[in-house]
Amino acid sequence: MRREFTIWALGVLLCASALNAAVLATVNGNTITSDEVNRVLLEGTQGRFDSLPADKQNELRQRIIEGMVAQQLVFEDAKKAGILESKEFKSEYQTLSERMRAQLAAKVWEQQQFEGIKVDPKEVKAYFDANADEFIDKEKIHARHILVKTEAEADAVIKSLKGLGGDKLKGEFITQAKSKSMGPSAAKGGDLGYFPRGQMVPSFNDAAFSMKEGTISVEPVQSQFGYHVIYLEDKVPAKKMGFDEVKNFIEQRLKMDKFKAYMEKKMSGLKAKAKITYSK
């Protein structure tokens, strides 16, 4: 399926998980939750976070968490130093508060306008019938990897796993991934989860998609990150998605299209009634 989520649409999905937000870190009693981190990731990647490779997602998420920890530590130190009572802080805070009030009001107003847009279920079904080929779930694989610095290290890993198969191979691979891999997925036994063709770097992608389930790469796979030994856990063939699987996505897409048209008309009307001058 074409990934055409808008930042707003992805934001709705992330916000929906807020009730189940997990605590990712605690700094002197102040918590940093998965919901807070997701919001930063959403804004920082302009809604494209879910299209990044699994390793990159893990690396970026950890950097955001560490950054938020550092921010909380600096804030606490600033409080102790009396920054919150300084004239400079109060002046900047007042200016920022006024700006944020206008931005928040605009955000809530826009959300209310969006919620007022309705999509007829018949429109959703008609779109699906006319564009069924658009909704194809791509072929996916579930892979693990062990990432090391040198080709010699990768060769040694492959040699140590030679002759193993089935659960023994998988178990030993996971054990070695945890102890030897320098990738962010090491703690999870090198698990990269399911991903479609083209999401990983070319050399990794080509090697992984050419493998059989339950096997490892026979040669080290080089990338800009180092040398990979890959274990292919599962393959899921491409398939056409049913209407029930995609109807919510279609509804949101059609709603967004209507919303854009509505907003263009609304803004034209507001501008026509307003007195606007531009400085040269």
Protein backbone atom coordinates (compact mmCIF):
# COMPACT_ATOMS: atom_id res chain seq x y z
CA MET A 1 0.00 0.00 0.00
CA ARG A 2 1.33 3.46 -0.80
CA ARG A 3 2.42 5.18 2.37
CA GLU A 4 0.83 8.60 2.07
CA PHE A 5 0.07 9.28 5.72
CA THR A 6 0.13 12.98 6.52
CA ILE A 7 1.84 14.23 9.65
CA TRP A 8 -1.61 14.84 11.10
CA ALA A 9 -2.83 11.32 10.33
CA LEU A 10 0.21 9.68 11.86
CA GLY A 11 -0.16 11.99 14.83
CA VAL A 12 -3.65 10.66 15.44
CA LEU A 13 -2.29 7.11 15.52
CA LEU A 14 0.47 8.03 17.95
CA CYS A 15 -1.83 10.02 20.21
CA ALA A 16 -4.26 7.11 20.32
CA SER A 17 -1.61 5.14 22.21
CA ALA A 18 -1.27 7.80 24.88
CA LEU A 19 -3.42 5.91 27.35
CA ASN A 20 -0.94 3.04 27.21
CA ALA A 21 2.19 5.22 27.28
CA ALA A 22 5.12 3.46 28.89
CA VAL A 23 7.65 5.17 31.16
CA LEU A 24 10.98 5.09 29.30
CA ALA A 25 13.09 7.02 31.81
CA THR A 26 12.81 8.74 35.17
CA VAL A 27 14.92 11.78 36.09
CA ASN A 28 14.78 12.66 39.78
CA GLY A 29 11.16 11.54 39.95
CA ASN A 30 10.11 13.14 36.63
CA THR A 31 9.03 10.63 34.01
CA ILE A 32 9.68 10.56 30.27
CA THR A 33 6.99 8.51 28.52
CA SER A 34 6.78 6.76 25.17
CA ASP A 35 4.02 9.17 24.18
CA GLU A 36 6.28 12.19 24.72
CA VAL A 37 9.11 10.56 22.78
CA ASN A 38 6.74 9.56 19.94
CA ARG A 39 5.60 13.15 19.58
CA VAL A 40 9.18 14.37 19.22
CA LEU A 41 9.97 11.61 16.71
CA LEU A 42 6.86 12.48 14.71
CA GLU A 43 7.77 16.14 14.47
CA GLY A 44 11.48 15.54 13.92
CA THR A 45 10.96 13.16 10.98
CA GLN A 46 7.94 15.03 9.56
CA GLY A 47 5.78 11.93 9.89
CA ARG A 48 8.24 9.57 8.18
CA PHE A 49 9.55 7.78 11.26
CA ASP A 50 7.80 4.49 10.46
CA SER A 51 9.49 4.34 7.03
CA LEU A 52 13.01 4.36 8.52
CA PRO A 53 15.01 1.10 8.89
CA ALA A 54 14.48 -0.64 12.23
CA ASP A 55 18.08 0.00 13.36
CA LYS A 56 17.75 3.69 12.52
CA GLN A 57 14.45 3.89 14.42
CA ASN A 58 16.03 2.38 17.52
CA GLU A 59 19.08 4.64 17.28
CA LEU A 60 16.97 7.79 16.79
CA ARG A 61 14.58 6.86 19.61
CA GLN A 62 17.49 6.37 22.03
CA ARG A 63 19.03 9.72 21.03
CA ILE A 64 15.70 11.46 21.69
CA ILE A 65 15.39 9.82 25.12
CA GLU A 66 18.94 10.84 26.07
CA GLY A 67 18.25 14.37 24.82
CA MET A 68 15.10 14.62 26.94
CA VAL A 69 17.01 13.34 29.98
CA ALA A 70 19.66 16.02 29.41
CA GLN A 71 16.98 18.69 29.00
CA GLN A 72 15.36 17.74 32.30
CA LEU A 73 18.72 17.83 34.09
CA VAL A 74 19.50 21.29 32.68
CA PHE A 75 16.02 22.53 33.62
CA GLU A 76 16.46 21.37 37.22
CA ASP A 77 19.87 23.03 37.45
CA ALA A 78 18.42 26.23 35.98
CA LYS A 79 15.70 26.25 38.64
CA LYS A 80 18.32 25.90 41.38
CA ALA A 81 20.24 28.80 39.85
CA GLY A 82 17.14 31.03 40.06
CA ILE A 83 16.73 31.37 36.30
CA LEU A 84 12.92 31.11 36.57
CA GLU A 85 12.85 34.27 38.72
CA SER A 86 15.08 36.35 36.46
CA LYS A 87 13.72 39.29 34.46
CA GLU A 88 15.15 37.85 31.24
CA PHE A 89 13.37 34.54 31.73
CA LYS A 90 10.04 36.16 32.64
CA SER A 91 10.18 38.44 29.59
CA GLU A 92 10.98 35.56 27.22
CA TYR A 93 8.36 33.39 28.88
CA GLN A 94 5.66 36.05 28.43
CA THR A 95 6.50 36.43 24.74
CA LEU A 96 6.50 32.69 24.22
CA SER A 97 3.22 32.27 26.11
CA GLU A 98 1.46 34.76 23.84
CA ARG A 99 2.80 33.02 20.76
CA MET A 100 1.86 29.58 22.07
CA ARG A 101 -1.65 30.76 22.98
CA ALA A 102 -2.26 31.81 19.37
CA GLN A 103 -0.76 28.57 18.01
CA LEU A 104 -2.76 26.38 20.39
CA ALA A 105 -6.00 28.20 19.61
CA ALA A 106 -5.33 27.73 15.89
CA LYS A 107 -4.57 24.03 16.43
CA VAL A 108 -7.77 23.40 18.38
CA TRP A 109 -9.79 25.42 15.84
CA GLU A 110 -8.32 23.41 12.96
CA GLN A 111 -9.04 20.13 14.76
CA GLN A 112 -12.66 21.15 15.25
CA GLN A 113 -12.96 22.04 11.57
CA PHE A 114 -11.53 18.65 10.64
CA GLU A 115 -13.90 16.77 12.94
CA GLY A 116 -16.81 18.48 11.20
CA ILE A 117 -15.89 16.90 7.86
CA LYS A 118 -17.99 13.81 7.07
CA VAL A 119 -17.30 11.01 4.60
CA ASP A 120 -20.14 8.83 3.32
CA PRO A 121 -19.36 5.08 3.65
CA LYS A 122 -20.44 4.71 0.03
CA GLU A 123 -17.60 7.03 -0.99
CA VAL A 124 -15.12 4.84 0.88
CA LYS A 125 -16.31 1.65 -0.84
CA ALA A 126 -16.37 3.34 -4.24
CA TYR A 127 -12.77 4.47 -3.81
CA PHE A 128 -11.66 0.96 -2.86
CA ASP A 129 -13.43 -0.62 -5.83
CA ALA A 130 -11.84 1.88 -8.20
CA ASN A 131 -8.34 1.59 -6.70
CA ALA A 132 -8.05 -1.98 -5.38
CA ASP A 133 -4.58 -2.44 -6.93
CA GLU A 134 -3.31 0.40 -4.76
CA PHE A 135 -3.89 -1.62 -1.61
CA ILE A 136 -1.30 -4.35 -1.85
CA ASP A 137 0.56 -5.41 1.26
CA LYS A 138 4.15 -5.81 0.09
CA GLU A 139 6.22 -8.93 0.61
CA LYS A 140 7.84 -8.83 4.04
CA ILE A 141 10.53 -10.76 5.84
CA HIS A 142 11.39 -11.16 9.50
CA ALA A 143 15.14 -11.07 9.99
CA ARG A 144 17.78 -10.89 12.69
CA HIS A 145 21.37 -9.81 12.27
CA ILE A 146 24.72 -9.71 14.01
CA LEU A 147 26.65 -6.54 13.16
CA VAL A 148 30.43 -6.54 13.65
CA LYS A 149 33.28 -4.26 12.60
CA THR A 150 35.38 -6.59 10.44
CA GLU A 151 34.85 -9.25 7.80
CA ALA A 152 37.01 -11.62 9.83
CA GLU A 153 34.67 -11.31 12.83
CA ALA A 154 31.66 -12.00 10.61
CA ASP A 155 33.39 -15.04 9.07
CA ALA A 156 34.07 -16.37 12.57
CA VAL A 157 30.40 -16.04 13.50
CA ILE A 158 29.30 -17.85 10.34
CA LYS A 159 31.84 -20.62 10.95
CA SER A 160 30.66 -21.07 14.56
CA LEU A 161 27.06 -21.54 13.37
CA LYS A 162 27.90 -23.99 10.59
CA GLY A 163 26.11 -27.31 10.89
CA LEU A 164 23.33 -25.98 13.13
CA GLY A 165 19.71 -25.88 12.06
CA GLY A 166 16.18 -25.37 13.33
CA ASP A 167 15.73 -24.10 16.89
CA LYS A 168 19.39 -24.74 17.74
CA LEU A 169 20.54 -22.39 14.99
CA LYS A 170 18.05 -19.71 15.99
CA GLY A 171 18.90 -20.01 19.67
CA GLU A 172 22.65 -19.83 19.14
CA PHE A 173 22.24 -16.92 16.70
CA ILE A 174 20.24 -14.96 19.30
CA THR A 175 22.85 -15.71 21.97
CA GLN A 176 25.70 -14.49 19.78
CA ALA A 177 23.74 -11.42 18.66
CA LYS A 178 23.32 -10.38 22.29
CA SER A 179 27.01 -10.83 23.07
CA LYS A 180 28.73 -9.82 19.81
CA SER A 181 26.52 -7.49 17.76
CA MET A 182 27.26 -3.77 17.94
CA GLY A 183 23.88 -2.85 16.48
CA PRO A 184 21.01 -1.30 18.52
CA SER A 185 19.03 -4.53 18.10
CA ALA A 186 21.64 -6.60 19.97
CA ALA A 187 19.65 -6.62 23.21
CA LYS A 188 16.74 -8.19 21.31
CA GLY A 189 18.88 -10.93 19.83
CA GLY A 190 19.44 -8.96 16.64
CA ASP A 191 15.69 -8.84 15.93
CA LEU A 192 14.77 -6.35 13.19
CA GLY A 193 11.13 -7.36 13.04
CA TYR A 194 9.20 -7.53 9.76
CA PHE A 195 10.12 -5.13 6.95
CA PRO A 196 9.35 -4.83 3.22
CA ARG A 197 11.78 -4.94 0.32
CA GLY A 198 13.73 -1.71 -0.02
CA GLN A 199 13.56 -0.55 3.59
CA MET A 200 17.07 -1.67 4.50
CA VAL A 201 20.30 -0.60 2.81
CA PRO A 202 20.69 -2.25 -0.66
CA SER A 203 23.35 -4.83 0.22
CA PHE A 204 21.44 -6.00 3.30
CA ASN A 205 18.12 -5.94 1.44
CA ASP A 206 19.38 -7.99 -1.51
CA ALA A 207 21.00 -10.62 0.69
CA ALA A 208 18.09 -11.00 3.13
CA PHE A 209 15.38 -11.31 0.48
CA SER A 210 17.34 -13.97 -1.40
CA MET A 211 17.60 -16.26 1.64
CA LYS A 212 15.45 -19.20 2.72
CA GLU A 213 13.61 -19.25 6.04
CA GLY A 214 15.58 -20.69 8.95
CA THR A 215 19.00 -20.07 7.36
CA ILE A 216 21.87 -17.62 7.83
CA SER A 217 23.82 -15.69 5.20
CA VAL A 218 26.65 -17.86 3.87
CA GLU A 219 28.94 -14.84 3.50
CA PRO A 220 29.36 -11.60 5.45
CA VAL A 221 27.17 -8.78 4.09
CA GLN A 222 28.97 -5.45 4.01
CA SER A 223 27.27 -2.08 4.46
CA GLN A 224 28.32 1.37 5.63
CA PHE A 225 27.63 0.19 9.18
CA GLY A 226 30.03 -2.78 9.14
CA TYR A 227 29.60 -6.48 8.37
CA HIS A 228 26.32 -8.32 8.91
CA VAL A 229 25.50 -11.96 9.48
CA ILE A 230 21.78 -12.39 8.74
CA TYR A 231 19.30 -14.95 10.02
CA LEU A 232 16.02 -15.15 8.09
CA GLU A 233 13.22 -16.04 10.47
CA ASP A 234 10.10 -15.75 8.31
CA LYS A 235 8.76 -14.68 4.91
CA VAL A 236 5.31 -13.24 4.21
CA PRO A 237 4.32 -13.03 0.53
CA ALA A 238 2.67 -9.96 -0.97
CA LYS A 239 -1.14 -9.97 -0.93
CA LYS A 240 -4.05 -7.76 -1.84
CA MET A 241 -5.63 -6.25 1.23
CA GLY A 242 -9.36 -6.61 1.88
CA PHE A 243 -11.78 -3.71 2.22
CA ASP A 244 -12.13 -4.14 5.99
CA GLU A 245 -8.36 -3.84 6.39
CA VAL A 246 -8.08 -0.50 4.60
CA LYS A 247 -11.45 1.21 4.95
CA ASN A 248 -10.31 3.33 7.90
CA PHE A 249 -7.25 4.49 5.99
CA ILE A 250 -9.36 5.33 2.92
CA GLU A 251 -11.85 7.22 5.05
CA GLN A 252 -9.04 9.31 6.58
CA ARG A 253 -7.54 10.00 3.16
CA LEU A 254 -10.88 11.13 1.72
CA LYS A 255 -11.58 13.16 4.81
CA MET A 256 -8.20 14.86 4.51
CA ASP A 257 -8.83 15.65 0.84
CA LYS A 258 -12.19 17.21 1.72
CA PHE A 259 -10.61 19.06 4.62
CA LYS A 260 -7.95 20.61 2.39
CA ALA A 261 -10.58 21.82 -0.06
CA TYR A 262 -12.72 23.12 2.80
CA MET A 263 -9.79 24.98 4.37
CA GLU A 264 -8.84 26.65 1.09
CA LYS A 265 -12.38 27.97 0.78
CA LYS A 266 -12.53 28.91 4.47
CA MET A 267 -9.24 30.81 4.39
CA SER A 268 -10.26 32.65 1.23
CA GLY A 269 -13.42 33.77 3.02
CA LEU A 270 -11.53 34.91 6.12
CA LYS A 271 -9.03 36.86 4.04
CA ALA A 272 -11.80 38.51 2.05
CA LYS A 273 -13.38 39.83 5.27
CA ALA A 274 -10.10 40.93 6.86
CA LYS A 275 -8.04 44.08 6.41
CA ILE A 276 -4.54 42.86 5.61
CA THR A 277 -1.56 45.05 4.73
CA TYR A 278 1.99 43.94 3.94
CA SER A 279 5.08 46.04 4.63
CA LYS A 280 7.43 46.54 1.71
